[in-house]
Amino acid sequence: MSRLENLIFYLIDKRILCLIAISLVLIAVGAIGAVSAYIQALPVKGWYEQAYSAADAEQMEVWLDKLLEEMRDKNMTHGHYALFFKTPHNDVALDYRVFETLKKRCVEVQNYPKGSMDYATSLQDIRNQMDKTDFHPGLWYFYNFYTICAWLLLIGVPLLFIALIIWTFSVY
């Protein structure tokens, strides 16, 4: 090989290594944002799970109240669980309203006799409604507070694959 070819291969390898390094940094920053969003959303998810698994309507009402309070504290009353394709199905404001309605429903259910079929059926209906919300506080937090990290992941991962593909073909 001539000196010019060696120089070209040397420069290509440096550029590709730089591209790989940049990609890894972008992925690391995105991953840190994802972990941070997950940690921030843990209290909200915890109150949701507590409400879902409550043994009676009184307990469920208390846990739903705590869930709503935590959602307000985290400013989780607007936004979506999606970066793209925002629909009513992934709108947290609608889920917030559903949880408010379910809390009111728990107050109504408290008037039923505890051992009755209506009481048990109503609690199960509330749980089924909670299932239908498709509630994802971690995703909401990530897409609404760590949007830049989501974009870095969306850019960093493809950039890394492109760099690796170019590097693989330039070596052979």
Protein backbone atom coordinates (compact mmCIF):
# COMPACT_ATOMS: atom_id res chain seq x y z
CA MET A 1 0.00 0.00 0.00
CA SER A 2 1.11 3.49 -0.72
CA ARG A 3 1.55 6.21 1.87
CA LEU A 4 -1.62 7.94 0.61
CA GLU A 5 -3.72 4.79 1.09
CA ASN A 6 -2.28 4.31 4.58
CA LEU A 7 -3.12 7.92 5.42
CA ILE A 8 -6.70 7.51 4.13
CA PHE A 9 -7.22 4.31 6.14
CA TYR A 10 -5.73 6.02 9.20
CA LEU A 11 -8.08 9.00 8.85
CA ILE A 12 -11.13 6.80 8.20
CA ASP A 13 -10.36 4.72 11.28
CA LYS A 14 -9.97 7.89 13.40
CA ARG A 15 -13.27 9.28 12.13
CA ILE A 16 -15.05 6.01 12.73
CA LEU A 17 -13.60 5.69 16.22
CA CYS A 18 -14.67 9.26 16.92
CA LEU A 19 -18.16 8.44 15.61
CA ILE A 20 -18.29 5.36 17.83
CA ALA A 21 -17.14 7.40 20.84
CA ILE A 22 -19.78 10.07 20.21
CA SER A 23 -22.45 7.39 19.81
CA LEU A 24 -21.46 5.73 23.06
CA VAL A 25 -21.58 9.07 24.89
CA LEU A 26 -25.05 9.79 23.46
CA ILE A 27 -26.25 6.33 24.48
CA ALA A 28 -24.78 6.74 27.98
CA VAL A 29 -26.46 10.12 28.49
CA GLY A 30 -29.77 8.69 27.22
CA ALA A 31 -29.45 5.67 29.51
CA ILE A 32 -28.72 7.90 32.51
CA GLY A 33 -31.84 9.91 31.66
CA ALA A 34 -33.89 6.71 31.40
CA VAL A 35 -32.69 5.44 34.78
CA SER A 36 -33.32 8.85 36.36
CA ALA A 37 -36.85 8.96 34.91
CA TYR A 38 -37.51 5.46 36.23
CA ILE A 39 -36.35 6.46 39.71
CA GLN A 40 -38.46 9.65 39.66
CA ALA A 41 -41.55 7.67 38.65
CA LEU A 42 -41.21 4.96 41.32
CA PRO A 43 -43.45 6.69 43.93
CA VAL A 44 -46.22 7.18 41.37
CA LYS A 45 -46.00 3.58 40.22
CA GLY A 46 -45.93 2.42 43.84
CA TRP A 47 -49.17 4.22 44.76
CA TYR A 48 -50.79 2.87 41.58
CA GLU A 49 -49.87 -0.68 42.55
CA GLN A 50 -51.03 -0.13 46.13
CA ALA A 51 -54.41 1.13 44.91
CA TYR A 52 -54.72 -1.74 42.46
CA SER A 53 -54.04 -4.36 45.11
CA ALA A 54 -56.16 -2.79 47.88
CA ALA A 55 -58.31 -5.25 49.76
CA ASP A 56 -61.31 -2.97 50.24
CA ALA A 57 -62.84 0.24 48.90
CA GLU A 58 -61.66 2.37 51.84
CA GLN A 59 -58.05 1.36 51.31
CA MET A 60 -58.35 1.79 47.56
CA GLU A 61 -59.74 5.30 48.00
CA VAL A 62 -56.82 6.27 50.26
CA TRP A 63 -54.24 4.86 47.84
CA LEU A 64 -55.91 6.51 44.83
CA ASP A 65 -55.85 9.79 46.73
CA LYS A 66 -52.11 9.30 47.38
CA LEU A 67 -51.62 8.43 43.69
CA LEU A 68 -53.40 11.61 42.57
CA GLU A 69 -51.43 13.69 45.08
CA GLU A 70 -48.13 12.21 43.85
CA MET A 71 -49.15 12.81 40.23
CA ARG A 72 -49.86 16.46 41.07
CA ASP A 73 -46.53 16.75 42.89
CA LYS A 74 -44.69 15.38 39.85
CA ASN A 75 -46.74 17.67 37.57
CA MET A 76 -48.10 14.54 35.92
CA THR A 77 -51.43 16.05 34.92
CA HIS A 78 -50.63 16.66 31.25
CA GLY A 79 -48.47 15.19 28.51
CA HIS A 80 -48.24 11.79 26.87
CA TYR A 81 -46.49 8.45 27.31
CA ALA A 82 -45.16 8.73 23.76
CA LEU A 83 -42.50 10.71 21.97
CA PHE A 84 -44.28 10.19 18.65
CA PHE A 85 -47.89 9.29 17.82
CA LYS A 86 -49.54 11.08 20.73
CA THR A 87 -53.11 9.82 21.07
CA PRO A 88 -55.85 9.95 23.71
CA HIS A 89 -54.84 6.41 24.67
CA ASN A 90 -51.42 7.62 25.87
CA ASP A 91 -52.58 10.95 27.34
CA VAL A 92 -51.80 11.20 31.06
CA ALA A 93 -54.41 13.96 31.58
CA LEU A 94 -57.15 11.50 30.66
CA ASP A 95 -55.67 8.87 33.00
CA TYR A 96 -55.59 11.47 35.76
CA ARG A 97 -59.31 12.12 35.26
CA VAL A 98 -60.01 8.39 35.25
CA PHE A 99 -58.22 8.00 38.61
CA GLU A 100 -60.26 10.90 40.03
CA THR A 101 -63.45 9.20 38.86
CA LEU A 102 -62.35 5.85 40.29
CA LYS A 103 -61.68 7.49 43.63
CA LYS A 104 -65.25 8.83 43.65
CA ARG A 105 -66.45 5.36 42.68
CA CYS A 106 -64.62 3.93 45.71
CA VAL A 107 -66.61 6.26 47.96
CA GLU A 108 -69.86 4.94 46.41
CA VAL A 109 -68.75 1.31 46.82
CA GLN A 110 -68.12 1.89 50.54
CA ASN A 111 -71.92 2.08 50.96
CA TYR A 112 -72.34 -1.55 49.83
CA PRO A 113 -72.21 -4.36 52.39
CA LYS A 114 -68.61 -5.66 52.45
CA GLY A 115 -69.44 -9.30 51.87
CA SER A 116 -71.90 -8.69 49.05
CA MET A 117 -71.42 -9.64 45.42
CA ASP A 118 -71.98 -6.00 44.38
CA TYR A 119 -69.05 -4.90 46.58
CA ALA A 120 -66.65 -7.49 45.15
CA THR A 121 -67.80 -6.90 41.57
CA SER A 122 -67.47 -3.14 41.93
CA LEU A 123 -63.91 -3.43 43.26
CA GLN A 124 -63.02 -5.72 40.38
CA ASP A 125 -64.59 -3.27 37.93
CA ILE A 126 -62.42 -0.49 39.36
CA ARG A 127 -59.32 -2.66 38.93
CA ASN A 128 -60.32 -3.50 35.37
CA GLN A 129 -60.71 0.21 34.65
CA MET A 130 -57.26 0.85 36.09
CA ASP A 131 -55.87 -1.84 33.76
CA LYS A 132 -57.38 -0.11 30.75
CA THR A 133 -55.56 3.17 31.44
CA ASP A 134 -52.24 1.73 30.16
CA PHE A 135 -50.51 3.76 32.88
CA HIS A 136 -46.72 4.19 32.37
CA PRO A 137 -45.33 6.89 34.69
CA GLY A 138 -41.71 6.05 33.83
CA LEU A 139 -42.29 6.60 30.14
CA TRP A 140 -44.22 9.80 30.84
CA TYR A 141 -41.40 11.15 32.97
CA PHE A 142 -38.78 10.16 30.40
CA TYR A 143 -40.60 11.68 27.43
CA ASN A 144 -41.67 14.86 29.23
CA PHE A 145 -38.67 15.73 31.40
CA TYR A 146 -35.84 13.87 29.68
CA THR A 147 -36.88 14.47 26.09
CA ILE A 148 -33.33 15.36 25.10
CA CYS A 149 -32.14 12.00 26.45
CA ALA A 150 -34.77 10.21 24.39
CA TRP A 151 -33.59 12.04 21.30
CA LEU A 152 -29.97 11.24 22.14
CA LEU A 153 -30.86 7.56 22.33
CA LEU A 154 -32.75 7.78 19.04
CA ILE A 155 -29.74 9.42 17.40
CA GLY A 156 -26.95 7.60 19.23
CA VAL A 157 -27.99 4.01 18.62
CA PRO A 158 -28.40 4.30 14.82
CA LEU A 159 -25.22 6.37 14.62
CA LEU A 160 -23.34 3.63 16.45
CA PHE A 161 -24.65 0.94 14.10
CA ILE A 162 -23.76 3.02 11.05
CA ALA A 163 -20.26 3.60 12.39
CA LEU A 164 -19.77 -0.08 13.12
CA ILE A 165 -21.01 -1.08 9.67
CA ILE A 166 -18.69 1.43 7.98
CA TRP A 167 -15.81 0.32 10.18
CA THR A 168 -16.44 -3.35 9.40
CA PHE A 169 -16.44 -2.72 5.63
CA SER A 170 -13.43 -0.40 5.74
CA VAL A 171 -11.29 -2.99 7.52
CA TYR A 172 -11.86 -5.65 4.83
